[in-house]
Amino acid sequence: MDNGVIKILFIGDIVGRPGRNAVKKYLPELKQAHCLDYVFANIENLASGKGVTYAKYLEMLDCGIDYFTSGNHIWNNKDIIPYMERGKVKILRPYNYQVGSVGVGYVELDDLMLLNLQGRVFMPDEVSDPFTSALNVINNSSKPVVIDFHAEATSEKIALGYYLDGKVSALLGTHTHVQTADEKILTKGLAYISDIGMVGPYDSVLGVKKEIIIEKFLTQQPKSHKVASGDTIFNAILITINKSTKTATEIKRINQLIKN
């Protein structure tokens, strides 16, 4: 589709096998219904709920996803690191990681830039300031910019959205696995949502078996996370961007229960 616009589907954190199966099942329907130009997805939880393997990456690539973002779990599986070192995968890691980190944090596609950033508030990793890091990248591009901001604090996400309004086309939050209902287009045309959500088990705690997380809270002891099973929730965002103005004209949530 063109008509002077870019139509994008951005899929929330895909969690384990249930998430992958839901993408295989539901994505073809979405692509047909919405005449999409790009499909993006966050895959930091793709393999067994934490990290990415090359085989699971290929599985999602074959589904028709164009590019992938990530976050603080990107290197939990070392299997993917050599491929990222050699630039053999369409996976971004947060741009504001330390200099010398494996991989890249943004990509310039035919008619837009995709940028991956990570927040600092309540996050485990030491990363550079996402506000100035964003400006360092977008000031060198004349294309519309879409950002996956992988962050915990809603305040940090909202603040960055207002800071970049008029400079980028969309800032979409990830990380919490809970879809928020605050999608909007800001005054100068930035499409915003605090969190896209996840594609993962519906009857779970953020994709993990609920019994494990409840026991962890009760005992205050670390527990090994295991991905839950059953029906799946498919969370994503549809955005439309005007090519000439580089502003968003539409943002719409997708919150679909996928029955197994």
C-alpha atoms as a PDB file:
ATOM      1  CA  MET A   1       0.000   0.000   0.000  1.00  0.00           C
ATOM      2  CA  ASP A   2       1.189   3.562  -0.686  1.00  0.00           C
ATOM      3  CA  ASN A   3      -1.321   6.393  -1.229  1.00  0.00           C
ATOM      4  CA  GLY A   4       1.203   8.637   0.487  1.00  0.00           C
ATOM      5  CA  VAL A   5       1.007   6.678   3.742  1.00  0.00           C
ATOM      6  CA  ILE A   6       2.863   3.895   5.541  1.00  0.00           C
ATOM      7  CA  LYS A   7       0.798   1.268   7.386  1.00  0.00           C
ATOM      8  CA  ILE A   8       2.608  -0.573  10.160  1.00  0.00           C
ATOM      9  CA  LEU A   9       1.675  -3.410  12.488  1.00  0.00           C
ATOM     10  CA  PHE A  10       3.864  -3.531  15.592  1.00  0.00           C
ATOM     11  CA  ILE A  11       3.492  -6.731  17.623  1.00  0.00           C
ATOM     12  CA  GLY A  12       4.145  -6.758  21.372  1.00  0.00           C
ATOM     13  CA  ASP A  13       6.669  -9.021  23.117  1.00  0.00           C
ATOM     14  CA  ILE A  14       6.268 -12.531  21.682  1.00  0.00           C
ATOM     15  CA  VAL A  15       6.522 -14.975  24.597  1.00  0.00           C
ATOM     16  CA  GLY A  16       7.711 -18.522  23.980  1.00  0.00           C
ATOM     17  CA  ARG A  17       6.006 -21.206  21.934  1.00  0.00           C
ATOM     18  CA  PRO A  18       2.438 -20.035  22.686  1.00  0.00           C
ATOM     19  CA  GLY A  19       3.344 -16.591  21.355  1.00  0.00           C
ATOM     20  CA  ARG A  20       5.012 -17.969  18.240  1.00  0.00           C
ATOM     21  CA  ASN A  21       2.032 -20.199  17.496  1.00  0.00           C
ATOM     22  CA  ALA A  22      -0.369 -17.274  17.902  1.00  0.00           C
ATOM     23  CA  VAL A  23       1.652 -15.208  15.422  1.00  0.00           C
ATOM     24  CA  LYS A  24       1.544 -18.037  12.886  1.00  0.00           C
ATOM     25  CA  LYS A  25      -2.196 -18.352  13.347  1.00  0.00           C
ATOM     26  CA  TYR A  26      -3.322 -14.709  13.408  1.00  0.00           C
ATOM     27  CA  LEU A  27      -0.759 -12.653  11.485  1.00  0.00           C
ATOM     28  CA  PRO A  28      -1.854 -13.804   7.988  1.00  0.00           C
ATOM     29  CA  GLU A  29      -5.382 -12.584   8.745  1.00  0.00           C
ATOM     30  CA  LEU A  30      -4.118  -9.190   9.905  1.00  0.00           C
ATOM     31  CA  LYS A  31      -1.869  -8.750   6.881  1.00  0.00           C
ATOM     32  CA  GLN A  32      -4.738  -9.476   4.527  1.00  0.00           C
ATOM     33  CA  ALA A  33      -7.203  -7.222   6.347  1.00  0.00           C
ATOM     34  CA  HIS A  34      -5.001  -4.147   6.701  1.00  0.00           C
ATOM     35  CA  CYS A  35      -2.773  -4.014   3.578  1.00  0.00           C
ATOM     36  CA  LEU A  36       0.344  -3.547   5.688  1.00  0.00           C
ATOM     37  CA  ASP A  37       3.624  -2.065   4.494  1.00  0.00           C
ATOM     38  CA  TYR A  38       5.643  -3.272   7.471  1.00  0.00           C
ATOM     39  CA  VAL A  39       5.309  -5.749  10.313  1.00  0.00           C
ATOM     40  CA  PHE A  40       7.618  -5.344  13.318  1.00  0.00           C
ATOM     41  CA  ALA A  41       7.772  -7.320  16.571  1.00  0.00           C
ATOM     42  CA  ASN A  42       9.667  -7.380  19.848  1.00  0.00           C
ATOM     43  CA  ILE A  43      11.272 -10.808  20.305  1.00  0.00           C
ATOM     44  CA  GLU A  44      13.373 -10.564  23.472  1.00  0.00           C
ATOM     45  CA  ASN A  45      11.173 -13.287  25.047  1.00  0.00           C
ATOM     46  CA  LEU A  46      10.863 -15.461  21.948  1.00  0.00           C
ATOM     47  CA  ALA A  47      12.662 -18.625  23.098  1.00  0.00           C
ATOM     48  CA  SER A  48      11.260 -20.253  26.249  1.00  0.00           C
ATOM     49  CA  GLY A  49      10.194 -16.844  27.533  1.00  0.00           C
ATOM     50  CA  LYS A  50      13.658 -15.224  27.692  1.00  0.00           C
ATOM     51  CA  GLY A  51      16.044 -14.434  24.878  1.00  0.00           C
ATOM     52  CA  VAL A  52      16.213 -15.435  21.219  1.00  0.00           C
ATOM     53  CA  THR A  53      17.659 -18.393  19.349  1.00  0.00           C
ATOM     54  CA  TYR A  54      18.517 -18.333  15.667  1.00  0.00           C
ATOM     55  CA  ALA A  55      16.047 -21.129  14.892  1.00  0.00           C
ATOM     56  CA  LYS A  56      13.162 -19.336  16.611  1.00  0.00           C
ATOM     57  CA  TYR A  57      14.124 -16.081  14.871  1.00  0.00           C
ATOM     58  CA  LEU A  58      13.913 -17.815  11.477  1.00  0.00           C
ATOM     59  CA  GLU A  59      10.534 -19.238  12.478  1.00  0.00           C
ATOM     60  CA  MET A  60       9.146 -15.721  12.955  1.00  0.00           C
ATOM     61  CA  LEU A  61      10.913 -14.325   9.899  1.00  0.00           C
ATOM     62  CA  ASP A  62       9.147 -16.974   7.823  1.00  0.00           C
ATOM     63  CA  CYS A  63       5.809 -15.680   9.164  1.00  0.00           C
ATOM     64  CA  GLY A  64       6.333 -12.393   7.327  1.00  0.00           C
ATOM     65  CA  ILE A  65       7.724 -10.135  10.055  1.00  0.00           C
ATOM     66  CA  ASP A  66      10.039  -7.585   8.464  1.00  0.00           C
ATOM     67  CA  TYR A  67      12.230  -6.560  11.387  1.00  0.00           C
ATOM     68  CA  PHE A  68      12.599  -7.274  15.088  1.00  0.00           C
ATOM     69  CA  THR A  69      13.309  -5.228  18.208  1.00  0.00           C
ATOM     70  CA  SER A  70      14.365  -6.404  21.647  1.00  0.00           C
ATOM     71  CA  GLY A  71      15.349  -5.333  25.153  1.00  0.00           C
ATOM     72  CA  ASN A  72      17.123  -6.433  28.302  1.00  0.00           C
ATOM     73  CA  HIS A  73      16.753 -10.184  27.614  1.00  0.00           C
ATOM     74  CA  ILE A  74      18.197 -10.089  24.095  1.00  0.00           C
ATOM     75  CA  TRP A  75      21.389 -11.970  25.019  1.00  0.00           C
ATOM     76  CA  ASN A  76      19.928 -14.512  27.440  1.00  0.00           C
ATOM     77  CA  ASN A  77      20.546 -17.151  24.759  1.00  0.00           C
ATOM     78  CA  LYS A  78      24.136 -16.861  23.544  1.00  0.00           C
ATOM     79  CA  ASP A  79      23.159 -18.740  20.382  1.00  0.00           C
ATOM     80  CA  ILE A  80      22.063 -15.493  18.708  1.00  0.00           C
ATOM     81  CA  ILE A  81      25.182 -13.442  19.512  1.00  0.00           C
ATOM     82  CA  PRO A  82      27.426 -14.611  16.620  1.00  0.00           C
ATOM     83  CA  TYR A  83      24.659 -13.834  14.114  1.00  0.00           C
ATOM     84  CA  MET A  84      24.206 -10.354  15.556  1.00  0.00           C
ATOM     85  CA  GLU A  85      27.971  -9.791  15.514  1.00  0.00           C
ATOM     86  CA  ARG A  86      28.085 -10.586  11.800  1.00  0.00           C
ATOM     87  CA  GLY A  87      24.939  -8.622  10.973  1.00  0.00           C
ATOM     88  CA  LYS A  88      23.214 -11.764   9.724  1.00  0.00           C
ATOM     89  CA  VAL A  89      19.864 -11.157  11.410  1.00  0.00           C
ATOM     90  CA  LYS A  90      17.170  -8.492  11.231  1.00  0.00           C
ATOM     91  CA  ILE A  91      17.230  -7.929  14.975  1.00  0.00           C
ATOM     92  CA  LEU A  92      17.888  -4.667  16.802  1.00  0.00           C
ATOM     93  CA  ARG A  93      19.182  -4.347  20.340  1.00  0.00           C
ATOM     94  CA  PRO A  94      18.683  -1.095  22.253  1.00  0.00           C
ATOM     95  CA  TYR A  95      20.745   1.647  20.636  1.00  0.00           C
ATOM     96  CA  ASN A  96      21.692   3.205  23.973  1.00  0.00           C
ATOM     97  CA  TYR A  97      23.633   0.142  25.156  1.00  0.00           C
ATOM     98  CA  GLN A  98      27.316   0.712  25.869  1.00  0.00           C
ATOM     99  CA  VAL A  99      29.650   1.453  22.960  1.00  0.00           C
ATOM    100  CA  GLY A 100      31.020  -1.812  21.588  1.00  0.00           C
ATOM    101  CA  SER A 101      27.895  -3.850  22.366  1.00  0.00           C
ATOM    102  CA  VAL A 102      27.053  -6.588  19.898  1.00  0.00           C
ATOM    103  CA  GLY A 103      24.604  -5.676  17.149  1.00  0.00           C
ATOM    104  CA  VAL A 104      22.975  -2.425  16.067  1.00  0.00           C
ATOM    105  CA  GLY A 105      20.239  -0.251  17.542  1.00  0.00           C
ATOM    106  CA  TYR A 106      18.544   1.149  14.455  1.00  0.00           C
ATOM    107  CA  VAL A 107      17.956   0.413  10.795  1.00  0.00           C
ATOM    108  CA  GLU A 108      17.018   2.599   7.835  1.00  0.00           C
ATOM    109  CA  LEU A 109      14.476   0.818   5.646  1.00  0.00           C
ATOM    110  CA  ASP A 110      13.153   2.024   2.278  1.00  0.00           C
ATOM    111  CA  ASP A 111      10.932   4.771   3.645  1.00  0.00           C
ATOM    112  CA  LEU A 112      11.337   4.805   7.426  1.00  0.00           C
ATOM    113  CA  MET A 113      13.785   4.338  10.271  1.00  0.00           C
ATOM    114  CA  LEU A 114      13.214   1.802  13.055  1.00  0.00           C
ATOM    115  CA  LEU A 115      14.972   2.642  16.337  1.00  0.00           C
ATOM    116  CA  ASN A 116      15.224   0.555  19.512  1.00  0.00           C
ATOM    117  CA  LEU A 117      15.837   2.246  22.889  1.00  0.00           C
ATOM    118  CA  GLN A 118      15.836   1.038  26.489  1.00  0.00           C
ATOM    119  CA  GLY A 119      14.761   2.951  29.570  1.00  0.00           C
ATOM    120  CA  ARG A 120      16.770   3.572  32.741  1.00  0.00           C
ATOM    121  CA  VAL A 121      14.118   3.810  35.472  1.00  0.00           C
ATOM    122  CA  PHE A 122      13.665   0.490  37.363  1.00  0.00           C
ATOM    123  CA  MET A 123      15.635  -1.334  34.643  1.00  0.00           C
ATOM    124  CA  PRO A 124      18.542  -3.693  35.446  1.00  0.00           C
ATOM    125  CA  ASP A 125      21.046  -2.610  32.797  1.00  0.00           C
ATOM    126  CA  GLU A 126      23.306   0.429  32.699  1.00  0.00           C
ATOM    127  CA  VAL A 127      22.388   2.295  29.520  1.00  0.00           C
ATOM    128  CA  SER A 128      22.966   5.767  28.148  1.00  0.00           C
ATOM    129  CA  ASP A 129      20.326   8.484  28.390  1.00  0.00           C
ATOM    130  CA  PRO A 130      17.561   7.512  25.921  1.00  0.00           C
ATOM    131  CA  PHE A 131      16.541  11.151  25.388  1.00  0.00           C
ATOM    132  CA  THR A 132      19.856  12.357  23.988  1.00  0.00           C
ATOM    133  CA  SER A 133      20.552   8.969  22.388  1.00  0.00           C
ATOM    134  CA  ALA A 134      17.377   9.307  20.334  1.00  0.00           C
ATOM    135  CA  LEU A 135      18.372  12.753  19.084  1.00  0.00           C
ATOM    136  CA  ASN A 136      21.822  11.506  18.090  1.00  0.00           C
ATOM    137  CA  VAL A 137      20.187   9.091  15.640  1.00  0.00           C
ATOM    138  CA  ILE A 138      17.109  10.869  14.337  1.00  0.00           C
ATOM    139  CA  ASN A 139      18.903  14.119  13.543  1.00  0.00           C
ATOM    140  CA  ASN A 140      20.745  12.252  10.782  1.00  0.00           C
ATOM    141  CA  SER A 141      17.633  10.867   9.065  1.00  0.00           C
ATOM    142  CA  SER A 142      15.086  12.512   6.784  1.00  0.00           C
ATOM    143  CA  LYS A 143      12.681   9.564   7.035  1.00  0.00           C
ATOM    144  CA  PRO A 144       9.780   8.940   9.419  1.00  0.00           C
ATOM    145  CA  VAL A 145      11.075   7.325  12.619  1.00  0.00           C
ATOM    146  CA  VAL A 146       9.340   4.588  14.634  1.00  0.00           C
ATOM    147  CA  ILE A 147      10.741   3.820  18.098  1.00  0.00           C
ATOM    148  CA  ASP A 148      10.339   0.766  20.314  1.00  0.00           C
ATOM    149  CA  PHE A 149      11.051   2.137  23.801  1.00  0.00           C
ATOM    150  CA  HIS A 150      11.663  -0.876  26.023  1.00  0.00           C
ATOM    151  CA  ALA A 151      11.115   0.511  29.507  1.00  0.00           C
ATOM    152  CA  GLU A 152       9.464  -0.155  32.856  1.00  0.00           C
ATOM    153  CA  ALA A 153       8.351   3.277  34.065  1.00  0.00           C
ATOM    154  CA  THR A 154       5.279   4.805  32.457  1.00  0.00           C
ATOM    155  CA  SER A 155       6.506   8.272  33.425  1.00  0.00           C
ATOM    156  CA  GLU A 156       9.747   7.785  31.492  1.00  0.00           C
ATOM    157  CA  LYS A 157       7.827   6.595  28.437  1.00  0.00           C
ATOM    158  CA  ILE A 158       5.353   9.482  28.515  1.00  0.00           C
ATOM    159  CA  ALA A 159       8.124  12.036  29.013  1.00  0.00           C
ATOM    160  CA  LEU A 160      10.128  10.704  26.064  1.00  0.00           C
ATOM    161  CA  GLY A 161       6.993  10.777  23.919  1.00  0.00           C
ATOM    162  CA  TYR A 162       6.436  14.469  24.602  1.00  0.00           C
ATOM    163  CA  TYR A 163      10.144  15.203  24.194  1.00  0.00           C
ATOM    164  CA  LEU A 164      10.190  13.633  20.720  1.00  0.00           C
ATOM    165  CA  ASP A 165       6.788  14.913  19.536  1.00  0.00           C
ATOM    166  CA  GLY A 166       7.376  16.655  16.221  1.00  0.00           C
ATOM    167  CA  LYS A 167      10.690  14.819  15.763  1.00  0.00           C
ATOM    168  CA  VAL A 168       9.570  11.202  15.259  1.00  0.00           C
ATOM    169  CA  SER A 169       6.407   9.545  13.955  1.00  0.00           C
ATOM    170  CA  ALA A 170       5.759   6.976  16.685  1.00  0.00           C
ATOM    171  CA  LEU A 171       7.002   5.979  20.123  1.00  0.00           C
ATOM    172  CA  LEU A 172       5.659   2.610  21.230  1.00  0.00           C
ATOM    173  CA  GLY A 173       6.411   1.195  24.666  1.00  0.00           C
ATOM    174  CA  THR A 174       7.283  -2.431  25.353  1.00  0.00           C
ATOM    175  CA  HIS A 175       8.569  -4.517  28.302  1.00  0.00           C
ATOM    176  CA  THR A 176       5.702  -4.794  30.803  1.00  0.00           C
ATOM    177  CA  HIS A 177       3.683  -7.325  28.735  1.00  0.00           C
ATOM    178  CA  VAL A 178       0.476  -5.495  29.736  1.00  0.00           C
ATOM    179  CA  GLN A 179      -1.253  -3.513  27.005  1.00  0.00           C
ATOM    180  CA  THR A 180      -2.186   0.007  28.077  1.00  0.00           C
ATOM    181  CA  ALA A 181      -5.271   1.905  26.907  1.00  0.00           C
ATOM    182  CA  ASP A 182      -3.582   5.294  26.478  1.00  0.00           C
ATOM    183  CA  GLU A 183      -2.913   5.235  22.745  1.00  0.00           C
ATOM    184  CA  LYS A 184      -3.061   8.722  21.234  1.00  0.00           C
ATOM    185  CA  ILE A 185      -1.568  11.062  18.678  1.00  0.00           C
ATOM    186  CA  LEU A 186       0.241  13.969  20.330  1.00  0.00           C
ATOM    187  CA  THR A 187      -0.079  17.605  19.259  1.00  0.00           C
ATOM    188  CA  LYS A 188       2.716  17.505  16.689  1.00  0.00           C
ATOM    189  CA  GLY A 189       1.814  14.114  15.242  1.00  0.00           C
ATOM    190  CA  LEU A 190       3.614  11.460  17.293  1.00  0.00           C
ATOM    191  CA  ALA A 191       1.679   8.193  17.756  1.00  0.00           C
ATOM    192  CA  TYR A 192       2.096   7.057  21.357  1.00  0.00           C
ATOM    193  CA  ILE A 193       1.231   4.144  23.638  1.00  0.00           C
ATOM    194  CA  SER A 194       2.842   3.303  26.977  1.00  0.00           C
ATOM    195  CA  ASP A 195       2.918  -0.428  26.255  1.00  0.00           C
ATOM    196  CA  ILE A 196       1.872  -2.526  23.277  1.00  0.00           C
ATOM    197  CA  GLY A 197       1.499  -5.612  25.477  1.00  0.00           C
ATOM    198  CA  MET A 198       2.477  -9.168  24.588  1.00  0.00           C
ATOM    199  CA  VAL A 199       1.644 -12.152  22.458  1.00  0.00           C
ATOM    200  CA  GLY A 200       1.633 -14.867  25.081  1.00  0.00           C
ATOM    201  CA  PRO A 201      -0.448 -17.067  27.387  1.00  0.00           C
ATOM    202  CA  TYR A 202      -3.635 -15.348  28.524  1.00  0.00           C
ATOM    203  CA  ASP A 203      -3.987 -17.210  31.841  1.00  0.00           C
ATOM    204  CA  SER A 204      -0.555 -16.287  33.177  1.00  0.00           C
ATOM    205  CA  VAL A 205       1.518 -13.644  34.933  1.00  0.00           C
ATOM    206  CA  LEU A 206       3.173 -11.796  32.042  1.00  0.00           C
ATOM    207  CA  GLY A 207       3.415 -15.086  30.146  1.00  0.00           C
ATOM    208  CA  VAL A 208       4.795 -17.154  33.029  1.00  0.00           C
ATOM    209  CA  LYS A 209       2.884 -19.894  34.873  1.00  0.00           C
ATOM    210  CA  LYS A 210       0.939 -18.029  37.533  1.00  0.00           C
ATOM    211  CA  GLU A 211       1.631 -20.620  40.253  1.00  0.00           C
ATOM    212  CA  ILE A 212       5.377 -19.990  39.961  1.00  0.00           C
ATOM    213  CA  ILE A 213       5.035 -16.236  40.341  1.00  0.00           C
ATOM    214  CA  ILE A 214       2.556 -16.499  43.227  1.00  0.00           C
ATOM    215  CA  GLU A 215       4.932 -18.852  45.072  1.00  0.00           C
ATOM    216  CA  LYS A 216       7.803 -16.445  44.419  1.00  0.00           C
ATOM    217  CA  PHE A 217       5.877 -13.597  46.037  1.00  0.00           C
ATOM    218  CA  LEU A 218       4.838 -15.770  48.985  1.00  0.00           C
ATOM    219  CA  THR A 219       8.285 -17.205  49.717  1.00  0.00           C
ATOM    220  CA  GLN A 220      10.530 -14.352  48.524  1.00  0.00           C
ATOM    221  CA  GLN A 221      12.724 -17.029  46.929  1.00  0.00           C
ATOM    222  CA  PRO A 222      13.892 -17.046  43.296  1.00  0.00           C
ATOM    223  CA  LYS A 223      12.050 -19.432  41.017  1.00  0.00           C
ATOM    224  CA  SER A 224      12.769 -20.691  37.533  1.00  0.00           C
ATOM    225  CA  HIS A 225      10.257 -19.180  35.124  1.00  0.00           C
ATOM    226  CA  LYS A 226       8.298 -21.467  32.829  1.00  0.00           C
ATOM    227  CA  VAL A 227       6.035 -20.239  30.047  1.00  0.00           C
ATOM    228  CA  ALA A 228       2.357 -20.983  30.667  1.00  0.00           C
ATOM    229  CA  SER A 229       0.089 -22.773  28.192  1.00  0.00           C
ATOM    230  CA  GLY A 230      -3.511 -22.456  27.043  1.00  0.00           C
ATOM    231  CA  ASP A 231      -5.266 -19.687  25.132  1.00  0.00           C
ATOM    232  CA  THR A 232      -3.140 -16.771  23.960  1.00  0.00           C
ATOM    233  CA  ILE A 233      -3.576 -13.002  23.932  1.00  0.00           C
ATOM    234  CA  PHE A 234      -2.387 -11.212  20.794  1.00  0.00           C
ATOM    235  CA  ASN A 235      -1.471  -7.581  21.498  1.00  0.00           C
ATOM    236  CA  ALA A 236      -0.306  -5.261  18.741  1.00  0.00           C
ATOM    237  CA  ILE A 237      -0.610  -1.718  17.440  1.00  0.00           C
ATOM    238  CA  LEU A 238      -1.658  -0.496  14.003  1.00  0.00           C
ATOM    239  CA  ILE A 239      -0.298   2.888  12.986  1.00  0.00           C
ATOM    240  CA  THR A 240      -0.614   4.935   9.807  1.00  0.00           C
ATOM    241  CA  ILE A 241       2.019   7.545   8.950  1.00  0.00           C
ATOM    242  CA  ASN A 242       1.776  10.313   6.360  1.00  0.00           C
ATOM    243  CA  LYS A 243       4.937  10.096   4.249  1.00  0.00           C
ATOM    244  CA  SER A 244       5.194  13.775   3.377  1.00  0.00           C
ATOM    245  CA  THR A 245       4.542  15.222   6.845  1.00  0.00           C
ATOM    246  CA  LYS A 246       6.070  12.249   8.731  1.00  0.00           C
ATOM    247  CA  THR A 247       3.204  12.507  11.216  1.00  0.00           C
ATOM    248  CA  ALA A 248       0.915   9.735  12.413  1.00  0.00           C
ATOM    249  CA  THR A 249      -2.710   9.896  11.314  1.00  0.00           C
ATOM    250  CA  GLU A 250      -4.004   6.776  13.086  1.00  0.00           C
ATOM    251  CA  ILE A 251      -3.133   4.532  16.008  1.00  0.00           C
ATOM    252  CA  LYS A 252      -5.249   1.529  16.936  1.00  0.00           C
ATOM    253  CA  ARG A 253      -4.825  -1.227  19.512  1.00  0.00           C
ATOM    254  CA  ILE A 254      -5.277  -4.918  18.749  1.00  0.00           C
ATOM    255  CA  ASN A 255      -6.213  -7.089  21.728  1.00  0.00           C
ATOM    256  CA  GLN A 256      -7.322 -10.462  20.399  1.00  0.00           C
ATOM    257  CA  LEU A 257      -7.838 -13.707  22.312  1.00  0.00           C
ATOM    258  CA  ILE A 258      -6.544 -16.680  20.308  1.00  0.00           C
ATOM    259  CA  LYS A 259      -8.225 -19.947  21.291  1.00  0.00           C
ATOM    260  CA  ASN A 260      -6.097 -23.090  21.272  1.00  0.00           C
END
